Every structure is written in structure tokens, then in C-alpha cells.
């Protein structure tokens, strides 16, 4: 039982790692862009995680942990910020390789504005709950920056496509984590609305995590392409 969270991490990354050598995607050749993006994003989310653990926004069930802690977090939780982003960026690149057309990019700006409006609305009603406040505040800042400040490259349609597909493993993995439960949420610090056993905020936590990883990945890849030109 104590290996459950660790095994979930291994399951998340196993197939993306093995399939990274697929001839069409060649994801392993992009590791030099992927891992810096994961590292920088992971630092921010780990600080967030440490703070939330200390504020009792969430906690971890010791029955499903091996018992090794770093920075006040279970080792498995730290690994989460490697395994999940790696799997999601892998999904992003697979979709780009097998479905390269970007004809729907023209709609992505409107979709982003809808999400920005949703963030404002939820912040208005949920600003007094830590998870709601930080989660939607972070997503608003990153999304607004990508759409309104970033002018060098556009990728948001491809991002939304990858996000939708990533929701499939998200429901499986997060379903396990919240139903057992491995991760326990303090509903006083979120909206109290759940999809099954998954807090509503988690869907947008995934969006913010994935968006920052993919944005930085695209930045590093763009700089790499320019240096080779």
C-alpha cells in the first residue's frame, strides 16, 4: 500500500518515456528543451505545494507513501512535477507530429478570453479560499501573458488540443489520488465543488501547470532553432 503513489508516478511516465523514441515524434531529441521547462515550472509549483501543505490546504495520506520527505513534501509529490508535465508535453508533441494542421488557431484567442473571464469571475467569488485564489490567479497571469505579451509565436490552439486529451489520463490518475485518498483536500480552502472526487480547481491547476511547461518548452525550442539557423 505504501508504494501506491510511487507506482502511480511510474505508470504516468512509463509509456511516454518508452514511446519517446518513436520515429515520427522523436521526442527524445527535444529533451534539451523539455527538461529545462519542467525544472523551472517545477520550482514554482513546488514552492506553491510547500506553502499549501503548511497552510493545510491539502495533505498526504501516509498509508500510501514510502515515507521519504524532502522540503516537507513526500518524494512522490515532488516526482509528480516531473512525471505529469513530461507525459503532457509528450502528448502535445505527439499531436503536433501526427496532426500538424493548425487551422483552428484563429479561435484560440477567443477561447483564452473566455478562460480569462472565468478566472476573474471565480476570483470574485472565491478570493477568500487559498486554493481558489492562487490557482485561478496564477492561471490568469500566465494565460494573459501568453496571449497579450508573447508575440513571437502562437501555439494556443495546439495547447488547448493537448489539454483536452490530457484530461483523459488526468481523470484516471487524479481519480485514484482523490478517491483512495492519497491526497486529501481541505474543502474550506476551495469552492467545495467536485467532479466525482476531483476538486473543480484541479482541472485549472492542470491547465496552469501544462501551459507554463509548454510555453517555456516553446521558448527554449524557438531559441534553439534560431541558434541553429
Foldseek 3Di string as FASTA:
>chain_A
DQCQLVVLLCVLQVVLVVCCCPPQLVNVVLVVLQVVLLVVLLVVVVVVVLVCCVVPQKDFDNVHHPPDDDSNHGPSVSSCSVRLLSSLVSLLSVCCRVPVDDVCLVCQLVVLVVLLVVLVVQCVVQVVAQLSNVLSVLLNVLSCCCNPVDDPDGCRVSLVVSLVVSVVVVCVSVVDCQVVPRMGGDCVRAVVDADNRHGPSVSSSSVSSNSSSVVSSVVVVVVVVVVVD
